[in-house]
Protein backbone atom coordinates (compact mmCIF):
# COMPACT_ATOMS: atom_id res chain seq x y z
CA UNK A 1 74.11 -4.75 -41.04
CA UNK A 2 74.58 -7.82 -43.19
CA UNK A 3 71.17 -7.27 -44.80
CA UNK A 4 72.19 -3.74 -45.83
CA UNK A 5 75.41 -5.01 -47.51
CA UNK A 6 73.52 -7.78 -49.28
CA UNK A 7 70.92 -5.26 -50.50
CA UNK A 8 73.64 -2.89 -51.82
CA UNK A 9 75.34 -5.72 -53.74
CA UNK A 10 71.99 -6.82 -55.18
CA UNK A 11 71.21 -3.28 -56.37
CA UNK A 12 74.66 -2.88 -57.96
CA UNK A 13 74.29 -6.19 -59.84
CA UNK A 14 70.76 -5.25 -60.94
CA UNK A 15 71.85 -1.84 -62.25
CA UNK A 16 74.83 -3.33 -64.11
CA UNK A 17 72.55 -5.94 -65.70
CA UNK A 18 70.08 -3.31 -66.89
CA UNK A 19 72.95 -1.21 -68.25
CA UNK A 20 74.46 -4.20 -70.10
CA UNK A 21 71.13 -5.13 -71.69
CA UNK A 22 70.66 -1.50 -72.79
CA UNK A 23 74.11 -1.37 -74.37
CA UNK A 24 73.58 -4.65 -76.22
CA UNK A 25 70.16 -3.55 -77.51
CA UNK A 26 71.48 -0.21 -78.74
CA UNK A 27 74.50 -1.80 -80.43
CA UNK A 28 72.31 -4.02 -82.62
CA UNK A 29 72.25 -3.29 -86.38
CA UNK A 30 68.57 -3.01 -87.38
CA UNK A 31 69.31 -3.95 -91.01
CA UNK A 32 70.72 -7.33 -89.94
CA UNK A 33 67.58 -8.19 -87.97
CA UNK A 34 65.10 -7.23 -90.67
CA UNK A 35 62.56 -10.08 -90.65
CA UNK A 36 60.52 -8.52 -93.47
CA UNK A 37 62.89 -7.76 -96.34
CA UNK A 38 61.44 -5.65 -99.14
CA UNK A 39 60.40 -7.97 -101.93
CA UNK A 40 59.93 -6.42 -105.34
CA UNK A 41 56.98 -7.89 -107.25
CA UNK A 42 57.82 -9.99 -110.30
CA UNK A 43 56.66 -8.77 -113.68
CA UNK A 44 53.37 -10.34 -114.72
CA UNK A 45 50.93 -9.92 -117.56
CA UNK A 46 48.15 -7.37 -117.31
CA UNK A 47 45.57 -10.11 -117.91
CA UNK A 48 46.96 -12.07 -114.93
CA UNK A 49 46.75 -8.93 -112.77
CA UNK A 50 43.14 -8.35 -113.83
CA UNK A 51 42.07 -11.92 -113.08
CA UNK A 52 44.31 -12.94 -110.16
CA UNK A 53 45.55 -9.91 -108.23
CA UNK A 54 43.96 -8.83 -104.98
CA UNK A 55 42.85 -5.23 -104.49
CA UNK A 56 45.71 -3.18 -102.97
CA UNK A 57 48.32 -5.67 -104.19
CA UNK A 58 51.58 -4.23 -105.50
CA UNK A 59 52.18 -5.36 -109.09
CA UNK A 60 54.81 -4.99 -111.81
CA UNK A 61 53.49 -4.83 -115.37
CA UNK A 62 54.74 -3.81 -118.77
CA UNK A 63 53.12 -2.90 -122.04
CA UNK A 64 52.56 -0.31 -124.72
CA UNK A 65 51.03 3.09 -124.02
CA UNK A 66 48.00 3.21 -126.33
CA UNK A 67 46.05 6.11 -124.84
CA UNK A 68 46.57 9.18 -122.70
CA UNK A 69 44.44 11.13 -120.26
CA UNK A 70 45.18 14.11 -118.08
CA UNK A 71 45.91 11.97 -115.02
CA UNK A 72 47.32 8.81 -116.59
CA UNK A 73 47.83 6.44 -119.50
CA UNK A 74 46.28 3.30 -120.95
CA UNK A 75 48.69 0.36 -121.18
CA UNK A 76 48.24 -2.87 -123.17
CA UNK A 77 50.25 -6.07 -123.42
CA UNK A 78 47.65 -8.26 -125.20
CA UNK A 79 44.05 -8.31 -126.47
CA UNK A 80 42.69 -8.96 -122.97
CA UNK A 81 45.50 -7.20 -121.10
CA UNK A 82 44.53 -3.54 -121.01
CA UNK A 83 44.48 -1.28 -117.96
CA UNK A 84 44.40 2.39 -116.99
CA UNK A 85 47.38 3.61 -114.98
CA UNK A 86 46.52 6.58 -112.78
CA UNK A 87 49.78 8.47 -112.39
CA UNK A 88 48.49 10.77 -109.66
CA UNK A 89 51.52 12.81 -108.63
CA UNK A 90 54.09 10.43 -110.15
CA UNK A 91 56.30 11.90 -112.87
CA UNK A 92 58.50 9.52 -114.88
CA UNK A 93 62.09 10.40 -115.81
CA UNK A 94 61.07 10.56 -119.49
CA UNK A 95 58.24 12.08 -121.52
CA UNK A 96 55.41 9.59 -121.94
CA UNK A 97 54.12 9.22 -125.49
CA UNK A 98 51.82 6.94 -127.44
CA UNK A 99 53.51 3.77 -128.66
CA UNK A 100 56.18 3.58 -125.97
CA UNK A 101 56.87 0.26 -124.27
CA UNK A 102 57.07 0.84 -120.49
CA UNK A 103 57.41 -1.18 -117.30
CA UNK A 104 56.01 0.04 -113.98
CA UNK A 105 55.33 -0.86 -110.38
CA UNK A 106 52.05 0.24 -108.83
CA UNK A 107 49.08 -0.86 -106.75
CA UNK A 108 46.18 -2.73 -108.33
CA UNK A 109 42.78 -1.41 -107.27
CA UNK A 110 39.26 -0.90 -108.54
CA UNK A 111 37.36 2.34 -108.93
CA UNK A 112 33.64 1.99 -109.73
CA UNK A 113 34.36 -1.63 -110.72
CA UNK A 114 37.01 -0.46 -113.20
CA UNK A 115 40.47 -2.00 -112.77
CA UNK A 116 43.14 0.64 -112.20
CA UNK A 117 46.84 0.72 -111.34
CA UNK A 118 47.54 3.56 -108.89
CA UNK A 119 50.32 4.74 -106.58
CA UNK A 120 53.02 4.20 -109.21
CA UNK A 121 56.40 4.00 -107.49
CA UNK A 122 58.65 3.40 -110.49
CA UNK A 123 58.46 3.47 -114.26
CA UNK A 124 61.06 2.67 -116.90
CA UNK A 125 61.09 3.18 -120.65
CA UNK A 126 61.79 -0.15 -122.34
CA UNK A 127 61.39 0.85 -125.99
CA UNK A 128 60.45 4.04 -127.81
CA UNK A 129 58.59 2.01 -130.45
CA UNK A 130 56.34 -0.55 -128.77
CA UNK A 131 53.67 -2.49 -130.62
CA UNK A 132 50.43 -0.54 -130.64
CA UNK A 133 47.30 -2.65 -130.38
CA UNK A 134 45.12 -2.75 -133.47
CA UNK A 135 41.75 -1.08 -133.00
CA UNK A 136 38.75 -3.39 -133.09
CA UNK A 137 35.90 -2.47 -135.40
CA UNK A 138 32.89 -2.64 -133.08
CA UNK A 139 29.27 -1.65 -133.36
CA UNK A 140 28.12 0.79 -130.66
CA UNK A 141 25.36 -1.59 -129.56
CA UNK A 142 27.98 -4.31 -128.98
CA UNK A 143 29.86 -1.95 -126.66
CA UNK A 144 26.65 -1.16 -124.79
CA UNK A 145 26.00 -4.89 -124.34
CA UNK A 146 29.33 -5.57 -122.60
CA UNK A 147 29.15 -6.80 -119.00
CA UNK A 148 31.00 -4.21 -116.86
CA UNK A 149 31.69 -6.86 -114.19
CA UNK A 150 33.98 -8.79 -116.58
CA UNK A 151 37.59 -8.86 -115.44
CA UNK A 152 39.02 -8.66 -118.97
CA UNK A 153 37.74 -7.64 -122.38
CA UNK A 154 35.18 -5.06 -121.29
CA UNK A 155 37.17 -2.13 -119.91
CA UNK A 156 39.63 0.00 -121.86
CA UNK A 157 39.10 -1.61 -125.25
CA UNK A 158 40.80 0.03 -128.19
CA UNK A 159 38.01 0.38 -130.72
CA UNK A 160 37.22 2.03 -134.01
CA UNK A 161 33.60 3.11 -134.33
CA UNK A 162 31.91 4.14 -137.52
CA UNK A 163 28.61 5.93 -137.29
CA UNK A 164 26.64 9.09 -137.64
CA UNK A 165 26.43 11.92 -135.17
CA UNK A 166 23.22 13.87 -135.02
CA UNK A 167 23.53 17.38 -133.68
CA UNK A 168 20.45 19.33 -132.75
CA UNK A 169 19.39 21.80 -130.07
CA UNK A 170 19.19 19.11 -127.35
CA UNK A 171 22.60 17.53 -128.02
CA UNK A 172 24.61 20.76 -128.14
């Protein structure tokens, strides 16, 4: 008989302990215990992103829109700091135009060895009249001689080319 009473008391204490632990765990505020707070990336130069960033690293850059394509824009902040920003499905709160100074957060990646910023999560307009890069006057053969594995200075150059175009039956 004493063993039965002891067992009942043990079970009651065990159940109350489990209930108390459950109540304490459910009452916890998950925001207070967040061990991994969201850290926004600091703004850095495009050249630093091209030479130092890891693939799939979130980056914050700024620069002038100097070219447009159907799926994105070309952004420059210096002679060696030029990159294509693939907007994908991202739509900014303003109309993008050539010459605008913008800041954005996106993911640095490479596509066919070309540096690209993708997965843009935010974009702000800093100035309607940014400083457009000056086009370089380059010979076509000099462009063909560029090393595509270079981190800076080879991709997305803003160039002015003077030459002749020959049109015949094979080039149409």
